Amino acid sequence: MLNQTELEQLARQMRAIGMHYSWSELLEFSECVVGSLLDAYQTVLKSSVSADSGPLVGTGDLRMVLEEKLGRALVSLTSEGQVARWESEALADNNP
């Protein structure tokens, strides 16, 4: 968890990005952030149903915590509906 000073520093950095980036740079930055979180989230989801996945299998508590935290971060940046669609897509990829 970030302390108050770290949160304020992060907020200043985000504000600086917002004030100094062009619109296309902001879109690219947002896509990169959301894309990275989405990749991690879908990897965690897929690992829960894939027999061939690596180290997350067998660590259900860790997987559940990661899934919950990544999901909340994505909801904050997008919407619950969008995250539900991404979850459905990730889980559908594992079904033949």
N, C-alpha and C. Protein backbone atom coordinates (compact mmCIF):
# COMPACT_ATOMS: atom_id res chain seq x y z
N MET A 1 0.85 -1.17 0.00
CA MET A 1 0.00 0.00 0.00
C MET A 1 0.89 1.23 0.00
N LEU A 2 0.50 2.23 -0.74
CA LEU A 2 1.24 3.48 -0.81
C LEU A 2 0.91 4.35 0.40
N ASN A 3 1.94 5.04 0.92
CA ASN A 3 1.66 5.98 2.00
C ASN A 3 1.20 7.31 1.40
N GLN A 4 0.83 8.26 2.26
CA GLN A 4 0.28 9.52 1.79
C GLN A 4 1.26 10.29 0.90
N THR A 5 2.52 10.32 1.26
CA THR A 5 3.53 11.03 0.47
C THR A 5 3.67 10.41 -0.91
N GLU A 6 3.70 9.09 -0.97
CA GLU A 6 3.80 8.39 -2.26
C GLU A 6 2.57 8.63 -3.12
N LEU A 7 1.38 8.64 -2.49
CA LEU A 7 0.16 8.92 -3.24
C LEU A 7 0.17 10.33 -3.81
N GLU A 8 0.63 11.29 -3.02
CA GLU A 8 0.69 12.67 -3.49
C GLU A 8 1.69 12.81 -4.63
N GLN A 9 2.82 12.13 -4.53
CA GLN A 9 3.82 12.17 -5.60
C GLN A 9 3.25 11.55 -6.87
N LEU A 10 2.56 10.44 -6.75
CA LEU A 10 1.94 9.80 -7.90
C LEU A 10 0.89 10.72 -8.53
N ALA A 11 0.09 11.36 -7.69
CA ALA A 11 -0.93 12.29 -8.20
C ALA A 11 -0.28 13.46 -8.94
N ARG A 12 0.83 13.98 -8.42
CA ARG A 12 1.54 15.07 -9.11
C ARG A 12 2.08 14.60 -10.46
N GLN A 13 2.62 13.39 -10.49
CA GLN A 13 3.14 12.86 -11.75
C GLN A 13 2.01 12.68 -12.77
N MET A 14 0.88 12.16 -12.33
CA MET A 14 -0.25 11.96 -13.23
C MET A 14 -0.77 13.31 -13.73
N ARG A 15 -0.83 14.30 -12.85
CA ARG A 15 -1.28 15.63 -13.26
C ARG A 15 -0.31 16.23 -14.27
N ALA A 16 0.99 16.07 -14.03
CA ALA A 16 2.00 16.59 -14.96
C ALA A 16 1.85 15.94 -16.33
N ILE A 17 1.60 14.65 -16.34
CA ILE A 17 1.39 13.95 -17.61
C ILE A 17 0.16 14.53 -18.31
N GLY A 18 -0.93 14.69 -17.57
CA GLY A 18 -2.16 15.22 -18.15
C GLY A 18 -2.02 16.63 -18.68
N MET A 19 -1.20 17.43 -18.05
CA MET A 19 -1.05 18.82 -18.46
C MET A 19 -0.06 19.01 -19.60
N HIS A 20 0.86 18.08 -19.76
CA HIS A 20 1.94 18.29 -20.72
C HIS A 20 1.89 17.37 -21.94
N TYR A 21 1.08 16.33 -21.88
CA TYR A 21 0.97 15.43 -23.01
C TYR A 21 -0.06 15.98 -24.00
N SER A 22 0.14 15.65 -25.26
CA SER A 22 -0.89 15.95 -26.25
C SER A 22 -2.02 14.94 -26.08
N TRP A 23 -3.14 15.18 -26.74
CA TRP A 23 -4.27 14.27 -26.65
C TRP A 23 -3.88 12.87 -27.10
N SER A 24 -3.16 12.77 -28.19
CA SER A 24 -2.78 11.43 -28.69
C SER A 24 -1.80 10.76 -27.72
N GLU A 25 -0.93 11.53 -27.09
CA GLU A 25 -0.02 10.95 -26.10
C GLU A 25 -0.78 10.45 -24.87
N LEU A 26 -1.81 11.19 -24.46
CA LEU A 26 -2.64 10.75 -23.33
C LEU A 26 -3.37 9.46 -23.67
N LEU A 27 -3.89 9.38 -24.88
CA LEU A 27 -4.58 8.15 -25.30
C LEU A 27 -3.61 6.97 -25.32
N GLU A 28 -2.43 7.20 -25.84
CA GLU A 28 -1.42 6.14 -25.88
C GLU A 28 -1.01 5.70 -24.48
N PHE A 29 -0.81 6.67 -23.59
CA PHE A 29 -0.46 6.38 -22.20
C PHE A 29 -1.56 5.56 -21.53
N SER A 30 -2.81 5.99 -21.69
CA SER A 30 -3.93 5.28 -21.09
C SER A 30 -4.05 3.87 -21.64
N GLU A 31 -3.87 3.74 -22.94
CA GLU A 31 -3.94 2.41 -23.56
C GLU A 31 -2.85 1.50 -23.01
N CYS A 32 -1.68 2.04 -22.80
CA CYS A 32 -0.56 1.27 -22.26
C CYS A 32 -0.85 0.81 -20.84
N VAL A 33 -1.35 1.72 -20.00
CA VAL A 33 -1.65 1.38 -18.61
C VAL A 33 -2.75 0.33 -18.53
N VAL A 34 -3.85 0.59 -19.21
CA VAL A 34 -4.97 -0.35 -19.18
C VAL A 34 -4.56 -1.67 -19.83
N GLY A 35 -3.83 -1.61 -20.92
CA GLY A 35 -3.39 -2.84 -21.60
C GLY A 35 -2.51 -3.70 -20.72
N SER A 36 -1.61 -3.08 -19.99
CA SER A 36 -0.73 -3.84 -19.09
C SER A 36 -1.52 -4.50 -17.97
N LEU A 37 -2.45 -3.75 -17.37
CA LEU A 37 -3.29 -4.31 -16.32
C LEU A 37 -4.17 -5.42 -16.87
N LEU A 38 -4.70 -5.21 -18.07
CA LEU A 38 -5.56 -6.21 -18.69
C LEU A 38 -4.79 -7.50 -18.96
N ASP A 39 -3.59 -7.40 -19.48
CA ASP A 39 -2.77 -8.59 -19.72
C ASP A 39 -2.54 -9.37 -18.44
N ALA A 40 -2.21 -8.66 -17.36
CA ALA A 40 -1.97 -9.32 -16.08
C ALA A 40 -3.26 -9.96 -15.56
N TYR A 41 -4.37 -9.24 -15.66
CA TYR A 41 -5.66 -9.74 -15.17
C TYR A 41 -6.08 -11.00 -15.93
N GLN A 42 -5.98 -10.97 -17.24
CA GLN A 42 -6.39 -12.13 -18.03
C GLN A 42 -5.45 -13.32 -17.80
N THR A 43 -4.18 -13.05 -17.56
CA THR A 43 -3.24 -14.12 -17.24
C THR A 43 -3.63 -14.82 -15.95
N VAL A 44 -3.99 -14.03 -14.94
CA VAL A 44 -4.43 -14.60 -13.67
C VAL A 44 -5.71 -15.40 -13.86
N LEU A 45 -6.66 -14.86 -14.61
CA LEU A 45 -7.91 -15.58 -14.86
C LEU A 45 -7.67 -16.90 -15.57
N LYS A 46 -6.85 -16.85 -16.60
CA LYS A 46 -6.57 -18.06 -17.38
C LYS A 46 -5.84 -19.10 -16.54
N SER A 47 -4.97 -18.65 -15.64
CA SER A 47 -4.20 -19.59 -14.83
C SER A 47 -5.10 -20.38 -13.89
N SER A 48 -6.25 -19.81 -13.55
CA SER A 48 -7.14 -20.49 -12.61
C SER A 48 -7.86 -21.67 -13.26
N VAL A 49 -7.94 -21.68 -14.58
CA VAL A 49 -8.65 -22.77 -15.26
C VAL A 49 -7.75 -23.60 -16.16
N SER A 50 -6.49 -23.23 -16.26
CA SER A 50 -5.58 -23.93 -17.15
C SER A 50 -4.71 -24.92 -16.38
N ALA A 51 -4.74 -26.16 -16.79
CA ALA A 51 -3.92 -27.18 -16.14
C ALA A 51 -2.45 -27.03 -16.49
N ASP A 52 -2.15 -26.34 -17.60
CA ASP A 52 -0.77 -26.21 -18.06
C ASP A 52 -0.09 -24.94 -17.57
N SER A 53 -0.77 -24.12 -16.78
CA SER A 53 -0.16 -22.85 -16.39
C SER A 53 0.91 -23.06 -15.34
N GLY A 54 1.67 -22.00 -15.14
CA GLY A 54 2.84 -22.07 -14.29
C GLY A 54 2.60 -21.95 -12.81
N PRO A 55 3.35 -21.09 -12.16
CA PRO A 55 3.44 -21.07 -10.71
C PRO A 55 2.19 -20.61 -9.97
N LEU A 56 1.20 -20.01 -10.64
CA LEU A 56 0.03 -19.55 -9.91
C LEU A 56 -0.93 -20.68 -9.57
N VAL A 57 -0.82 -21.82 -10.28
CA VAL A 57 -1.68 -22.95 -9.97
C VAL A 57 -1.29 -23.48 -8.59
N GLY A 58 -2.29 -23.72 -7.76
CA GLY A 58 -2.02 -24.23 -6.43
C GLY A 58 -1.86 -23.13 -5.40
N THR A 59 -1.84 -21.90 -5.84
CA THR A 59 -1.76 -20.79 -4.90
C THR A 59 -3.04 -19.98 -5.04
N GLY A 60 -4.14 -20.62 -4.71
CA GLY A 60 -5.46 -20.04 -4.90
C GLY A 60 -5.65 -18.71 -4.22
N ASP A 61 -5.16 -18.59 -2.98
CA ASP A 61 -5.33 -17.33 -2.26
C ASP A 61 -4.61 -16.19 -2.97
N LEU A 62 -3.40 -16.44 -3.40
CA LEU A 62 -2.63 -15.42 -4.12
C LEU A 62 -3.34 -15.06 -5.42
N ARG A 63 -3.80 -16.06 -6.14
CA ARG A 63 -4.48 -15.81 -7.40
C ARG A 63 -5.74 -14.98 -7.18
N MET A 64 -6.49 -15.32 -6.14
CA MET A 64 -7.73 -14.58 -5.86
C MET A 64 -7.44 -13.13 -5.50
N VAL A 65 -6.40 -12.90 -4.72
CA VAL A 65 -6.03 -11.53 -4.34
C VAL A 65 -5.60 -10.75 -5.57
N LEU A 66 -4.76 -11.36 -6.40
CA LEU A 66 -4.32 -10.70 -7.63
C LEU A 66 -5.50 -10.39 -8.54
N GLU A 67 -6.37 -11.36 -8.72
CA GLU A 67 -7.53 -11.18 -9.58
C GLU A 67 -8.40 -10.03 -9.07
N GLU A 68 -8.65 -10.01 -7.77
CA GLU A 68 -9.49 -8.96 -7.18
C GLU A 68 -8.86 -7.58 -7.34
N LYS A 69 -7.58 -7.46 -7.03
CA LYS A 69 -6.92 -6.16 -7.10
C LYS A 69 -6.78 -5.65 -8.53
N LEU A 70 -6.42 -6.53 -9.45
CA LEU A 70 -6.33 -6.14 -10.85
C LEU A 70 -7.70 -5.77 -11.39
N GLY A 71 -8.70 -6.53 -11.02
CA GLY A 71 -10.06 -6.23 -11.46
C GLY A 71 -10.53 -4.87 -10.98
N ARG A 72 -10.26 -4.56 -9.71
CA ARG A 72 -10.65 -3.26 -9.17
C ARG A 72 -9.92 -2.12 -9.86
N ALA A 73 -8.63 -2.32 -10.15
CA ALA A 73 -7.86 -1.28 -10.85
C ALA A 73 -8.44 -1.03 -12.24
N LEU A 74 -8.79 -2.10 -12.93
CA LEU A 74 -9.36 -1.96 -14.27
C LEU A 74 -10.74 -1.30 -14.22
N VAL A 75 -11.55 -1.64 -13.22
CA VAL A 75 -12.86 -1.01 -13.09
C VAL A 75 -12.68 0.49 -12.85
N SER A 76 -11.69 0.85 -12.05
CA SER A 76 -11.44 2.28 -11.78
C SER A 76 -11.06 3.03 -13.05
N LEU A 77 -10.38 2.36 -13.95
CA LEU A 77 -9.91 3.00 -15.17
C LEU A 77 -10.91 2.88 -16.32
N THR A 78 -11.80 1.89 -16.26
CA THR A 78 -12.75 1.69 -17.35
C THR A 78 -14.16 1.62 -16.77
N SER A 79 -14.74 0.43 -16.71
CA SER A 79 -16.07 0.25 -16.13
C SER A 79 -16.25 -1.22 -15.74
N GLU A 80 -17.25 -1.47 -14.89
CA GLU A 80 -17.53 -2.86 -14.49
C GLU A 80 -17.93 -3.70 -15.69
N GLY A 81 -18.72 -3.13 -16.57
CA GLY A 81 -19.16 -3.86 -17.75
C GLY A 81 -18.01 -4.25 -18.66
N GLN A 82 -17.07 -3.34 -18.85
CA GLN A 82 -15.91 -3.64 -19.70
C GLN A 82 -15.07 -4.74 -19.08
N VAL A 83 -14.85 -4.68 -17.78
CA VAL A 83 -14.05 -5.70 -17.10
C VAL A 83 -14.75 -7.05 -17.18
N ALA A 84 -16.06 -7.07 -17.05
CA ALA A 84 -16.82 -8.32 -17.17
C ALA A 84 -16.65 -8.91 -18.57
N ARG A 85 -16.67 -8.06 -19.60
CA ARG A 85 -16.46 -8.55 -20.98
C ARG A 85 -15.06 -9.12 -21.14
N TRP A 86 -14.04 -8.44 -20.60
CA TRP A 86 -12.67 -8.95 -20.70
C TRP A 86 -12.51 -10.27 -19.95
N GLU A 87 -13.17 -10.37 -18.81
CA GLU A 87 -13.12 -11.63 -18.04
C GLU A 87 -13.74 -12.76 -18.85
N SER A 88 -14.88 -12.47 -19.45
CA SER A 88 -15.55 -13.48 -20.27
C SER A 88 -14.69 -13.91 -21.44
N GLU A 89 -14.03 -12.94 -22.10
CA GLU A 89 -13.13 -13.25 -23.22
C GLU A 89 -11.97 -14.12 -22.77
N ALA A 90 -11.38 -13.78 -21.63
CA ALA A 90 -10.22 -14.54 -21.13
C ALA A 90 -10.60 -15.97 -20.82
N LEU A 91 -11.74 -16.14 -20.18
CA LEU A 91 -12.17 -17.48 -19.81
C LEU A 91 -12.65 -18.27 -21.03
N ALA A 92 -13.21 -17.59 -22.02
CA ALA A 92 -13.64 -18.26 -23.25
C ALA A 92 -12.44 -18.76 -24.04
N ASP A 93 -11.30 -18.04 -23.96
CA ASP A 93 -10.10 -18.46 -24.67
C ASP A 93 -9.59 -19.81 -24.17
N ASN A 94 -9.90 -20.16 -22.93
CA ASN A 94 -9.42 -21.43 -22.37
C ASN A 94 -10.34 -22.59 -22.67
N ASN A 95 -11.55 -22.31 -23.16
CA ASN A 95 -12.49 -23.38 -23.47
C ASN A 95 -12.41 -23.73 -24.95
N PRO A 96 -12.34 -25.03 -25.24
CA PRO A 96 -12.23 -25.45 -26.66
C PRO A 96 -13.48 -25.14 -27.45
